[in-house]
Amino acid sequence: MNAVEAGGETGAPFTSPSGRRAQTAVSSPIGAELRRRREMLRIGIREASRRTGVSHTVISEVECGRRLPTVRTFERLRRGLGLDATAHILTRPPEPVGVLEVHLVRLAACLWASGGRITITDLAGALGIHATAVREQLPLVAPRLAACGISMTEDSVEVRLGPLRAAMPALQVLGSLLSDRRRAALSPEAVNLLGYVGWHREATRRQLEQLRGEDCESLLGRLVDAGFLTAVRDSEGRRPNRYRLTALTLEAFEVASLEELHEKLGPFLGGTAGDDGAVTVDGEGVSPAGESTGGAPLVGTEASASSTAATSLR
């Protein structure tokens, strides 16, 4: 055994007892840095152990990639040998991701972005794989979704997502909290305006400004951004924007439909809103404002009644 292997500070480059140069292949950054520094100092493992107070067995295993040192051990090595590295070098590199894993990650992401319902054909198109491969991978994704409280069902044509039964109580409480928070954020002016739009099923900005007696562009913008109103323009773009309530607004007012909202407002405003055509929410089949018996703008004392009625919804 030469002086270097015995722990001397001088002599030939580090060699193994058999006389052959030691292999330098390592599997971790800290192992490579430790070996590089030790060979630069021209010392053996036992001398490195003496200088650092770290077992020579541990040093050998670190260099070979079989062990990651603790932060405390790393600090001993760094001070004793002058390693040019920080503790970040102790982070283990990520394991290579297999092809199947990549497909499963992408499939799970597409299911999440689908909004809870998507066809297998669309999934196959998005992933660039055959529909048969999608069907084979769905059972592998299901446990991952379940760990997030999501159930998955598929009928060989369509995939649907929904909450697991165990998650339902928490989701119901969360829904109530969010609903209460949204309602609390509505100012009396906003509730008044929403009540007017709900009574007439839709209204233009001009009609709303006649009601309030002031510009309401900012208020309308906030209600649209918050999802309480939707702005609709005719296909030719000639009529001004008409504003309608959304399902979120009905939920905040604790009603299931515009008809139920009219029943709540009726005692305050009197009469009934026009019912020409089917009434829906968020755009389809709603009678234009001004075309029904309840479509004229509310002004004067009627505006005051609208304010009282809308406030009662809160």
C-alpha atoms as a PDB file:
ATOM      1  CA  MET A   1       0.000   0.000   0.000  1.00  0.00           C
ATOM      2  CA  ASN A   2       1.506   3.347  -1.012  1.00  0.00           C
ATOM      3  CA  ALA A   3       1.658   6.524   1.039  1.00  0.00           C
ATOM      4  CA  VAL A   4      -1.422   8.029  -0.587  1.00  0.00           C
ATOM      5  CA  GLU A   5      -3.684   5.063   0.219  1.00  0.00           C
ATOM      6  CA  ALA A   6      -2.302   4.962   3.735  1.00  0.00           C
ATOM      7  CA  GLY A   7      -3.360   8.544   4.289  1.00  0.00           C
ATOM      8  CA  GLY A   8      -0.249  10.499   3.305  1.00  0.00           C
ATOM      9  CA  GLU A   9      -0.550  13.967   1.792  1.00  0.00           C
ATOM     10  CA  THR A  10       2.034  13.398  -0.927  1.00  0.00           C
ATOM     11  CA  GLY A  11       2.766  10.807  -3.558  1.00  0.00           C
ATOM     12  CA  ALA A  12       1.153   9.533  -6.736  1.00  0.00           C
ATOM     13  CA  PRO A  13      -2.460  10.193  -7.671  1.00  0.00           C
ATOM     14  CA  PHE A  14      -5.011   8.269  -5.599  1.00  0.00           C
ATOM     15  CA  THR A  15      -4.915   4.569  -6.489  1.00  0.00           C
ATOM     16  CA  SER A  16      -6.583   1.420  -5.277  1.00  0.00           C
ATOM     17  CA  PRO A  17      -4.678  -1.240  -3.321  1.00  0.00           C
ATOM     18  CA  SER A  18      -4.389  -3.314  -6.479  1.00  0.00           C
ATOM     19  CA  GLY A  19      -2.407  -0.560  -8.190  1.00  0.00           C
ATOM     20  CA  ARG A  20      -5.177   0.271 -10.670  1.00  0.00           C
ATOM     21  CA  ARG A  21      -6.501   3.831 -10.780  1.00  0.00           C
ATOM     22  CA  ALA A  22      -9.817   4.010  -8.919  1.00  0.00           C
ATOM     23  CA  GLN A  23     -12.970   4.505 -10.965  1.00  0.00           C
ATOM     24  CA  THR A  24     -14.374   8.022 -10.785  1.00  0.00           C
ATOM     25  CA  ALA A  25     -17.968   7.238 -11.760  1.00  0.00           C
ATOM     26  CA  VAL A  26     -20.394   8.496  -9.133  1.00  0.00           C
ATOM     27  CA  SER A  27     -24.150   8.876  -9.007  1.00  0.00           C
ATOM     28  CA  SER A  28     -24.619  12.052  -6.966  1.00  0.00           C
ATOM     29  CA  PRO A  29     -23.297  15.656  -7.105  1.00  0.00           C
ATOM     30  CA  ILE A  30     -22.000  15.515  -3.528  1.00  0.00           C
ATOM     31  CA  GLY A  31     -20.137  12.289  -4.284  1.00  0.00           C
ATOM     32  CA  ALA A  32     -18.488  13.820  -7.324  1.00  0.00           C
ATOM     33  CA  GLU A  33     -17.515  16.981  -5.416  1.00  0.00           C
ATOM     34  CA  LEU A  34     -16.109  14.982  -2.487  1.00  0.00           C
ATOM     35  CA  ARG A  35     -13.984  12.777  -4.742  1.00  0.00           C
ATOM     36  CA  ARG A  36     -12.830  15.790  -6.799  1.00  0.00           C
ATOM     37  CA  ARG A  37     -11.716  17.678  -3.695  1.00  0.00           C
ATOM     38  CA  ARG A  38      -9.994  14.681  -2.147  1.00  0.00           C
ATOM     39  CA  GLU A  39      -8.045  13.891  -5.300  1.00  0.00           C
ATOM     40  CA  MET A  40      -7.078  17.553  -5.661  1.00  0.00           C
ATOM     41  CA  LEU A  41      -5.662  17.429  -2.115  1.00  0.00           C
ATOM     42  CA  ARG A  42      -3.956  14.117  -3.022  1.00  0.00           C
ATOM     43  CA  ILE A  43      -5.200  12.389   0.113  1.00  0.00           C
ATOM     44  CA  GLY A  44      -6.789   9.028   0.725  1.00  0.00           C
ATOM     45  CA  ILE A  45     -10.166   8.218   2.279  1.00  0.00           C
ATOM     46  CA  ARG A  46      -8.660   7.497   5.703  1.00  0.00           C
ATOM     47  CA  GLU A  47      -6.840  10.816   5.780  1.00  0.00           C
ATOM     48  CA  ALA A  48     -10.078  12.546   4.740  1.00  0.00           C
ATOM     49  CA  SER A  49     -11.751  10.724   7.629  1.00  0.00           C
ATOM     50  CA  ARG A  50      -9.076  11.948  10.043  1.00  0.00           C
ATOM     51  CA  ARG A  51      -9.407  15.561   8.912  1.00  0.00           C
ATOM     52  CA  THR A  52     -13.206  15.642   9.026  1.00  0.00           C
ATOM     53  CA  GLY A  53     -14.105  13.258  11.833  1.00  0.00           C
ATOM     54  CA  VAL A  54     -16.392  11.376   9.422  1.00  0.00           C
ATOM     55  CA  SER A  55     -16.105   7.600   9.160  1.00  0.00           C
ATOM     56  CA  HIS A  56     -14.096   6.429   6.166  1.00  0.00           C
ATOM     57  CA  THR A  57     -16.926   4.002   5.390  1.00  0.00           C
ATOM     58  CA  VAL A  58     -19.378   6.883   5.147  1.00  0.00           C
ATOM     59  CA  ILE A  59     -17.022   8.846   2.909  1.00  0.00           C
ATOM     60  CA  SER A  60     -16.606   5.848   0.615  1.00  0.00           C
ATOM     61  CA  GLU A  61     -20.357   5.288   0.357  1.00  0.00           C
ATOM     62  CA  VAL A  62     -20.979   8.990  -0.364  1.00  0.00           C
ATOM     63  CA  GLU A  63     -18.410   8.973  -3.148  1.00  0.00           C
ATOM     64  CA  CYS A  64     -19.915   5.835  -4.670  1.00  0.00           C
ATOM     65  CA  GLY A  65     -23.413   7.294  -4.577  1.00  0.00           C
ATOM     66  CA  ARG A  66     -24.763   4.773  -2.107  1.00  0.00           C
ATOM     67  CA  ARG A  67     -25.436   7.386   0.612  1.00  0.00           C
ATOM     68  CA  LEU A  68     -26.373  11.020   0.958  1.00  0.00           C
ATOM     69  CA  PRO A  69     -24.761  12.652   3.993  1.00  0.00           C
ATOM     70  CA  THR A  70     -26.813  14.500   6.556  1.00  0.00           C
ATOM     71  CA  VAL A  71     -26.438  18.266   6.756  1.00  0.00           C
ATOM     72  CA  ARG A  72     -24.282  17.847   9.870  1.00  0.00           C
ATOM     73  CA  THR A  73     -21.984  15.357   8.157  1.00  0.00           C
ATOM     74  CA  PHE A  74     -21.811  17.557   5.070  1.00  0.00           C
ATOM     75  CA  GLU A  75     -20.679  20.524   7.192  1.00  0.00           C
ATOM     76  CA  ARG A  76     -17.878  18.395   8.657  1.00  0.00           C
ATOM     77  CA  LEU A  77     -16.744  17.384   5.185  1.00  0.00           C
ATOM     78  CA  ARG A  78     -17.005  20.940   3.913  1.00  0.00           C
ATOM     79  CA  ARG A  79     -14.948  22.418   6.756  1.00  0.00           C
ATOM     80  CA  GLY A  80     -12.389  19.608   6.882  1.00  0.00           C
ATOM     81  CA  LEU A  81     -11.756  19.360   3.141  1.00  0.00           C
ATOM     82  CA  GLY A  82     -12.789  22.798   1.940  1.00  0.00           C
ATOM     83  CA  LEU A  83     -15.581  21.595  -0.324  1.00  0.00           C
ATOM     84  CA  ASP A  84     -16.660  24.249  -2.794  1.00  0.00           C
ATOM     85  CA  ALA A  85     -20.397  23.624  -2.434  1.00  0.00           C
ATOM     86  CA  THR A  86     -23.418  24.544  -0.335  1.00  0.00           C
ATOM     87  CA  ALA A  87     -25.956  22.268   1.323  1.00  0.00           C
ATOM     88  CA  HIS A  88     -28.144  22.522  -1.809  1.00  0.00           C
ATOM     89  CA  ILE A  89     -25.885  19.915  -3.350  1.00  0.00           C
ATOM     90  CA  LEU A  90     -27.490  17.379  -1.012  1.00  0.00           C
ATOM     91  CA  THR A  91     -30.746  17.491  -2.964  1.00  0.00           C
ATOM     92  CA  ARG A  92     -31.229  14.191  -4.702  1.00  0.00           C
ATOM     93  CA  PRO A  93     -31.773  14.599  -8.444  1.00  0.00           C
ATOM     94  CA  PRO A  94     -35.290  13.717  -9.618  1.00  0.00           C
ATOM     95  CA  GLU A  95     -35.851  10.212 -10.851  1.00  0.00           C
ATOM     96  CA  PRO A  96     -36.309   9.865 -14.604  1.00  0.00           C
ATOM     97  CA  VAL A  97     -39.967   9.931 -15.574  1.00  0.00           C
ATOM     98  CA  GLY A  98     -41.089   7.017 -17.731  1.00  0.00           C
ATOM     99  CA  VAL A  99     -43.192   7.396 -20.840  1.00  0.00           C
ATOM    100  CA  LEU A 100     -46.268   5.898 -19.159  1.00  0.00           C
ATOM    101  CA  GLU A 101     -45.965   8.330 -16.255  1.00  0.00           C
ATOM    102  CA  VAL A 102     -45.910  11.264 -18.676  1.00  0.00           C
ATOM    103  CA  HIS A 103     -49.095   9.982 -20.336  1.00  0.00           C
ATOM    104  CA  LEU A 104     -50.839   9.563 -16.973  1.00  0.00           C
ATOM    105  CA  VAL A 105     -49.910  13.074 -15.864  1.00  0.00           C
ATOM    106  CA  ARG A 106     -51.239  14.528 -19.112  1.00  0.00           C
ATOM    107  CA  LEU A 107     -54.408  12.456 -18.928  1.00  0.00           C
ATOM    108  CA  ALA A 108     -55.120  13.577 -15.365  1.00  0.00           C
ATOM    109  CA  ALA A 109     -54.556  17.215 -16.351  1.00  0.00           C
ATOM    110  CA  CYS A 110     -56.977  16.930 -19.285  1.00  0.00           C
ATOM    111  CA  LEU A 111     -59.621  15.357 -17.051  1.00  0.00           C
ATOM    112  CA  TRP A 112     -59.237  18.170 -14.517  1.00  0.00           C
ATOM    113  CA  ALA A 113     -59.464  20.867 -17.227  1.00  0.00           C
ATOM    114  CA  SER A 114     -62.533  19.270 -18.812  1.00  0.00           C
ATOM    115  CA  GLY A 115     -64.869  20.668 -16.189  1.00  0.00           C
ATOM    116  CA  GLY A 116     -66.019  17.215 -15.127  1.00  0.00           C
ATOM    117  CA  ARG A 117     -67.232  15.743 -18.410  1.00  0.00           C
ATOM    118  CA  ILE A 118     -65.389  14.808 -21.614  1.00  0.00           C
ATOM    119  CA  THR A 119     -65.535  12.146 -24.308  1.00  0.00           C
ATOM    120  CA  ILE A 120     -62.803   9.571 -24.682  1.00  0.00           C
ATOM    121  CA  THR A 121     -62.438  10.646 -28.311  1.00  0.00           C
ATOM    122  CA  ASP A 122     -61.601  14.197 -27.224  1.00  0.00           C
ATOM    123  CA  LEU A 123     -59.110  12.897 -24.669  1.00  0.00           C
ATOM    124  CA  ALA A 124     -57.434  10.784 -27.338  1.00  0.00           C
ATOM    125  CA  GLY A 125     -57.222  13.805 -29.640  1.00  0.00           C
ATOM    126  CA  ALA A 126     -55.740  16.000 -26.934  1.00  0.00           C
ATOM    127  CA  LEU A 127     -53.148  13.395 -25.921  1.00  0.00           C
ATOM    128  CA  GLY A 128     -52.311  12.270 -29.434  1.00  0.00           C
ATOM    129  CA  ILE A 129     -52.939   8.603 -28.654  1.00  0.00           C
ATOM    130  CA  HIS A 130     -55.534   6.013 -29.642  1.00  0.00           C
ATOM    131  CA  ALA A 131     -58.842   5.889 -27.753  1.00  0.00           C
ATOM    132  CA  THR A 132     -58.031   2.309 -26.717  1.00  0.00           C
ATOM    133  CA  ALA A 133     -54.886   3.561 -24.954  1.00  0.00           C
ATOM    134  CA  VAL A 134     -56.959   6.165 -23.118  1.00  0.00           C
ATOM    135  CA  ARG A 135     -59.354   3.476 -21.874  1.00  0.00           C
ATOM    136  CA  GLU A 136     -56.404   1.384 -20.675  1.00  0.00           C
ATOM    137  CA  GLN A 137     -54.901   4.315 -18.773  1.00  0.00           C
ATOM    138  CA  LEU A 138     -58.086   5.540 -17.088  1.00  0.00           C
ATOM    139  CA  PRO A 139     -57.994   2.832 -14.359  1.00  0.00           C
ATOM    140  CA  LEU A 140     -54.413   3.910 -13.573  1.00  0.00           C
ATOM    141  CA  VAL A 141     -55.445   7.551 -13.159  1.00  0.00           C
ATOM    142  CA  ALA A 142     -58.503   6.808 -10.988  1.00  0.00           C
ATOM    143  CA  PRO A 143     -56.534   6.218  -7.722  1.00  0.00           C
ATOM    144  CA  ARG A 144     -54.713   9.521  -8.185  1.00  0.00           C
ATOM    145  CA  LEU A 145     -57.973  11.397  -8.611  1.00  0.00           C
ATOM    146  CA  ALA A 146     -59.485   9.575  -5.629  1.00  0.00           C
ATOM    147  CA  ALA A 147     -56.588  10.779  -3.488  1.00  0.00           C
ATOM    148  CA  CYS A 148     -57.777  14.307  -4.348  1.00  0.00           C
ATOM    149  CA  GLY A 149     -61.396  13.553  -3.429  1.00  0.00           C
ATOM    150  CA  ILE A 150     -62.553  13.064  -7.037  1.00  0.00           C
ATOM    151  CA  SER A 151     -64.444  10.052  -8.358  1.00  0.00           C
ATOM    152  CA  MET A 152     -64.325   8.992 -11.998  1.00  0.00           C
ATOM    153  CA  THR A 153     -66.850   7.030 -14.019  1.00  0.00           C
ATOM    154  CA  GLU A 154     -66.701   6.089 -17.688  1.00  0.00           C
ATOM    155  CA  ASP A 155     -68.977   4.186 -20.026  1.00  0.00           C
ATOM    156  CA  SER A 156     -66.481   3.559 -22.868  1.00  0.00           C
ATOM    157  CA  VAL A 157     -67.702   6.754 -24.571  1.00  0.00           C
ATOM    158  CA  GLU A 158     -67.581   9.500 -21.955  1.00  0.00           C
ATOM    159  CA  VAL A 159     -65.731  10.174 -18.728  1.00  0.00           C
ATOM    160  CA  ARG A 160     -67.357  12.044 -15.845  1.00  0.00           C
ATOM    161  CA  LEU A 161     -65.795  13.417 -12.696  1.00  0.00           C
ATOM    162  CA  GLY A 162     -67.484  14.204  -9.413  1.00  0.00           C
ATOM    163  CA  PRO A 163     -66.752  14.514  -5.701  1.00  0.00           C
ATOM    164  CA  LEU A 164     -66.376  11.422  -3.599  1.00  0.00           C
ATOM    165  CA  ARG A 165     -69.168  10.869  -1.098  1.00  0.00           C
ATOM    166  CA  ALA A 166     -66.753  11.412   1.783  1.00  0.00           C
ATOM    167  CA  ALA A 167     -65.949  14.877   0.447  1.00  0.00           C
ATOM    168  CA  MET A 168     -69.552  16.065   0.097  1.00  0.00           C
ATOM    169  CA  PRO A 169     -70.029  17.499   3.634  1.00  0.00           C
ATOM    170  CA  ALA A 170     -66.923  19.659   3.333  1.00  0.00           C
ATOM    171  CA  LEU A 171     -67.925  20.832  -0.150  1.00  0.00           C
ATOM    172  CA  GLN A 172     -71.390  21.802   1.073  1.00  0.00           C
ATOM    173  CA  VAL A 173     -69.909  23.863   3.897  1.00  0.00           C
ATOM    174  CA  LEU A 174     -67.451  25.465   1.488  1.00  0.00           C
ATOM    175  CA  GLY A 175     -70.265  26.321  -0.906  1.00  0.00           C
ATOM    176  CA  SER A 176     -72.217  28.014   1.877  1.00  0.00           C
ATOM    177  CA  LEU A 177     -69.172  29.993   2.983  1.00  0.00           C
ATOM    178  CA  LEU A 178     -68.449  31.202  -0.544  1.00  0.00           C
ATOM    179  CA  SER A 179     -72.106  32.073  -1.125  1.00  0.00           C
ATOM    180  CA  ASP A 180     -72.264  34.072   2.102  1.00  0.00           C
ATOM    181  CA  ARG A 181     -69.040  35.850   1.215  1.00  0.00           C
ATOM    182  CA  ARG A 182     -70.317  36.786  -2.245  1.00  0.00           C
ATOM    183  CA  ARG A 183     -73.578  38.090  -0.846  1.00  0.00           C
ATOM    184  CA  ALA A 184     -71.769  40.096   1.825  1.00  0.00           C
ATOM    185  CA  ALA A 185     -69.658  41.721  -0.890  1.00  0.00           C
ATOM    186  CA  LEU A 186     -72.745  43.101  -2.683  1.00  0.00           C
ATOM    187  CA  SER A 187     -73.393  46.742  -1.865  1.00  0.00           C
ATOM    188  CA  PRO A 188     -76.983  48.037  -1.551  1.00  0.00           C
ATOM    189  CA  GLU A 189     -76.521  49.780  -4.908  1.00  0.00           C
ATOM    190  CA  ALA A 190     -75.440  46.502  -6.530  1.00  0.00           C
ATOM    191  CA  VAL A 191     -78.383  44.591  -5.031  1.00  0.00           C
ATOM    192  CA  ASN A 192     -80.776  47.310  -6.234  1.00  0.00           C
ATOM    193  CA  LEU A 193     -79.396  47.106  -9.759  1.00  0.00           C
ATOM    194  CA  LEU A 194     -79.499  43.293  -9.804  1.00  0.00           C
ATOM    195  CA  GLY A 195     -83.070  43.315  -8.537  1.00  0.00           C
ATOM    196  CA  TYR A 196     -84.083  45.633 -11.362  1.00  0.00           C
ATOM    197  CA  VAL A 197     -82.391  43.444 -13.983  1.00  0.00           C
ATOM    198  CA  GLY A 198     -83.969  40.337 -12.482  1.00  0.00           C
ATOM    199  CA  TRP A 199     -87.452  41.845 -12.487  1.00  0.00           C
ATOM    200  CA  HIS A 200     -87.205  42.895 -16.146  1.00  0.00           C
ATOM    201  CA  ARG A 201     -85.108  39.848 -17.078  1.00  0.00           C
ATOM    202  CA  GLU A 202     -82.629  42.120 -18.838  1.00  0.00           C
ATOM    203  CA  ALA A 203     -81.774  45.808 -19.030  1.00  0.00           C
ATOM    204  CA  THR A 204     -79.507  48.168 -20.941  1.00  0.00           C
ATOM    205  CA  ARG A 205     -76.990  50.502 -19.350  1.00  0.00           C
ATOM    206  CA  ARG A 206     -79.204  53.479 -20.290  1.00  0.00           C
ATOM    207  CA  GLN A 207     -82.184  52.005 -18.480  1.00  0.00           C
ATOM    208  CA  LEU A 208     -80.091  51.306 -15.400  1.00  0.00           C
ATOM    209  CA  GLU A 209     -78.701  54.832 -15.386  1.00  0.00           C
ATOM    210  CA  GLN A 210     -82.254  56.202 -15.622  1.00  0.00           C
ATOM    211  CA  LEU A 211     -83.077  54.110 -12.582  1.00  0.00           C
ATOM    212  CA  ARG A 212     -80.082  55.260 -10.544  1.00  0.00           C
ATOM    213  CA  GLY A 213     -79.817  58.790 -11.902  1.00  0.00           C
ATOM    214  CA  GLU A 214     -76.084  58.463 -12.373  1.00  0.00           C
ATOM    215  CA  ASP A 215     -73.443  56.743 -14.484  1.00  0.00           C
ATOM    216  CA  CYS A 216     -73.161  53.037 -13.663  1.00  0.00           C
ATOM    217  CA  GLU A 217     -70.413  51.869 -16.045  1.00  0.00           C
ATOM    218  CA  SER A 218     -68.046  51.086 -13.171  1.00  0.00           C
ATOM    219  CA  LEU A 219     -70.693  49.215 -11.164  1.00  0.00           C
ATOM    220  CA  LEU A 220     -71.742  47.175 -14.200  1.00  0.00           C
ATOM    221  CA  GLY A 221     -68.133  46.319 -14.925  1.00  0.00           C
ATOM    222  CA  ARG A 222     -67.576  45.059 -11.380  1.00  0.00           C
ATOM    223  CA  LEU A 223     -70.729  42.942 -11.455  1.00  0.00           C
ATOM    224  CA  VAL A 224     -69.780  41.430 -14.823  1.00  0.00           C
ATOM    225  CA  ASP A 225     -66.237  40.694 -13.626  1.00  0.00           C
ATOM    226  CA  ALA A 226     -67.596  39.091 -10.446  1.00  0.00           C
ATOM    227  CA  GLY A 227     -69.929  36.868 -12.474  1.00  0.00           C
ATOM    228  CA  PHE A 228     -73.201  38.376 -11.253  1.00  0.00           C
ATOM    229  CA  LEU A 229     -74.145  39.800 -14.677  1.00  0.00           C
ATOM    230  CA  THR A 230     -73.559  38.756 -18.254  1.00  0.00           C
ATOM    231  CA  ALA A 231     -73.501  41.257 -21.117  1.00  0.00           C
ATOM    232  CA  VAL A 232     -75.279  40.230 -24.314  1.00  0.00           C
ATOM    233  CA  ARG A 233     -75.140  41.984 -27.692  1.00  0.00           C
ATOM    234  CA  ASP A 234     -77.236  41.064 -30.706  1.00  0.00           C
ATOM    235  CA  SER A 235     -75.576  39.275 -33.629  1.00  0.00           C
ATOM    236  CA  GLU A 236     -75.407  42.439 -35.749  1.00  0.00           C
ATOM    237  CA  GLY A 237     -73.954  44.514 -32.940  1.00  0.00           C
ATOM    238  CA  ARG A 238     -76.503  47.302 -33.377  1.00  0.00           C
ATOM    239  CA  ARG A 239     -78.318  47.151 -30.070  1.00  0.00           C
ATOM    240  CA  PRO A 240     -76.488  48.213 -26.924  1.00  0.00           C
ATOM    241  CA  ASN A 241     -75.339  45.635 -24.435  1.00  0.00           C
ATOM    242  CA  ARG A 242     -78.177  44.058 -22.517  1.00  0.00           C
ATOM    243  CA  TYR A 243     -77.380  42.785 -19.057  1.00  0.00           C
ATOM    244  CA  ARG A 244     -78.858  39.603 -17.583  1.00  0.00           C
ATOM    245  CA  LEU A 245     -78.529  37.794 -14.307  1.00  0.00           C
ATOM    246  CA  THR A 246     -76.365  34.718 -14.058  1.00  0.00           C
ATOM    247  CA  ALA A 247     -76.909  31.485 -12.176  1.00  0.00           C
ATOM    248  CA  LEU A 248     -74.429  32.785  -9.592  1.00  0.00           C
ATOM    249  CA  THR A 249     -76.739  35.728  -8.854  1.00  0.00           C
ATOM    250  CA  LEU A 250     -79.768  33.488  -8.430  1.00  0.00           C
ATOM    251  CA  GLU A 251     -77.754  31.347  -6.029  1.00  0.00           C
ATOM    252  CA  ALA A 252     -76.743  34.446  -4.049  1.00  0.00           C
ATOM    253  CA  PHE A 253     -80.418  35.486  -3.848  1.00  0.00           C
ATOM    254  CA  GLU A 254     -81.348  31.928  -2.834  1.00  0.00           C
ATOM    255  CA  VAL A 255     -83.750  31.376  -5.720  1.00  0.00           C
ATOM    256  CA  ALA A 256     -83.708  28.661  -8.390  1.00  0.00           C
ATOM    257  CA  SER A 257     -85.119  30.663 -11.306  1.00  0.00           C
ATOM    258  CA  LEU A 258     -86.186  34.079 -12.496  1.00  0.00           C
ATOM    259  CA  GLU A 259     -89.793  33.101 -11.899  1.00  0.00           C
ATOM    260  CA  GLU A 260     -89.024  32.471  -8.224  1.00  0.00           C
ATOM    261  CA  LEU A 261     -87.206  35.796  -8.065  1.00  0.00           C
ATOM    262  CA  HIS A 262     -90.310  37.513  -9.478  1.00  0.00           C
ATOM    263  CA  GLU A 263     -92.414  35.903  -6.763  1.00  0.00           C
ATOM    264  CA  LYS A 264     -90.090  37.392  -4.148  1.00  0.00           C
ATOM    265  CA  LEU A 265     -90.189  40.841  -5.750  1.00  0.00           C
ATOM    266  CA  GLY A 266     -93.921  40.809  -6.561  1.00  0.00           C
ATOM    267  CA  PRO A 267     -95.200  41.986  -3.149  1.00  0.00           C
ATOM    268  CA  PHE A 268     -92.971  45.051  -3.366  1.00  0.00           C
ATOM    269  CA  LEU A 269     -93.400  45.967  -7.044  1.00  0.00           C
ATOM    270  CA  GLY A 270     -96.876  44.621  -7.804  1.00  0.00           C
ATOM    271  CA  GLY A 271     -97.948  42.921 -11.013  1.00  0.00           C
ATOM    272  CA  THR A 272     -95.868  40.351 -12.858  1.00  0.00           C
ATOM    273  CA  ALA A 273     -92.994  40.617 -15.252  1.00  0.00           C
ATOM    274  CA  GLY A 274     -93.631  39.771 -18.871  1.00  0.00           C
ATOM    275  CA  ASP A 275     -93.414  36.085 -19.702  1.00  0.00           C
ATOM    276  CA  ASP A 276     -93.052  36.135 -23.503  1.00  0.00           C
ATOM    277  CA  GLY A 277     -90.952  33.113 -24.386  1.00  0.00           C
ATOM    278  CA  ALA A 278     -89.083  30.749 -22.124  1.00  0.00           C
ATOM    279  CA  VAL A 279     -87.064  32.284 -19.319  1.00  0.00           C
ATOM    280  CA  THR A 280     -83.573  31.003 -18.788  1.00  0.00           C
ATOM    281  CA  VAL A 281     -80.377  32.274 -17.234  1.00  0.00           C
ATOM    282  CA  ASP A 282     -77.039  33.240 -18.817  1.00  0.00           C
ATOM    283  CA  GLY A 283     -78.313  34.101 -22.219  1.00  0.00           C
ATOM    284  CA  GLU A 284     -80.773  31.734 -23.810  1.00  0.00           C
ATOM    285  CA  GLY A 285     -84.494  32.296 -24.334  1.00  0.00           C
ATOM    286  CA  VAL A 286     -84.910  35.464 -22.242  1.00  0.00           C
ATOM    287  CA  SER A 287     -87.473  38.078 -23.340  1.00  0.00           C
ATOM    288  CA  PRO A 288     -85.846  41.451 -24.155  1.00  0.00           C
ATOM    289  CA  ALA A 289     -86.414  44.266 -21.704  1.00  0.00           C
ATOM    290  CA  GLY A 290     -89.157  46.665 -22.712  1.00  0.00           C
ATOM    291  CA  GLU A 291     -91.029  44.088 -24.790  1.00  0.00           C
ATOM    292  CA  SER A 292     -93.161  42.757 -21.924  1.00  0.00           C
ATOM    293  CA  THR A 293     -95.602  44.305 -19.516  1.00  0.00           C
ATOM    294  CA  GLY A 294     -92.846  44.551 -16.926  1.00  0.00           C
ATOM    295  CA  GLY A 295     -90.181  45.857 -19.295  1.00  0.00           C
ATOM    296  CA  ALA A 296     -90.434  49.620 -18.837  1.00  0.00           C
ATOM    297  CA  PRO A 297     -87.727  51.280 -16.779  1.00  0.00           C
ATOM    298  CA  LEU A 298     -88.556  51.918 -13.157  1.00  0.00           C
ATOM    299  CA  VAL A 299     -88.325  55.581 -12.237  1.00  0.00           C
ATOM    300  CA  GLY A 300     -89.501  57.778  -9.391  1.00  0.00           C
ATOM    301  CA  THR A 301     -91.466  55.947  -6.721  1.00  0.00           C
ATOM    302  CA  GLU A 302     -91.104  52.657  -8.600  1.00  0.00           C
ATOM    303  CA  ALA A 303     -87.338  52.947  -8.370  1.00  0.00           C
ATOM    304  CA  SER A 304     -87.670  53.354  -4.607  1.00  0.00           C
ATOM    305  CA  ALA A 305     -89.841  50.249  -4.487  1.00  0.00           C
ATOM    306  CA  SER A 306     -87.243  48.380  -6.520  1.00  0.00           C
ATOM    307  CA  SER A 307     -84.583  49.387  -4.026  1.00  0.00           C
ATOM    308  CA  THR A 308     -86.704  48.169  -1.111  1.00  0.00           C
ATOM    309  CA  ALA A 309     -87.477  44.881  -2.845  1.00  0.00           C
ATOM    310  CA  ALA A 310     -83.918  44.189  -3.881  1.00  0.00           C
ATOM    311  CA  THR A 311     -82.614  44.984  -0.418  1.00  0.00           C
ATOM    312  CA  SER A 312     -85.019  42.422   1.018  1.00  0.00           C
ATOM    313  CA  LEU A 313     -83.236  39.740  -0.995  1.00  0.00           C
ATOM    314  CA  ARG A 314     -80.039  40.100   0.982  1.00  0.00           C
END
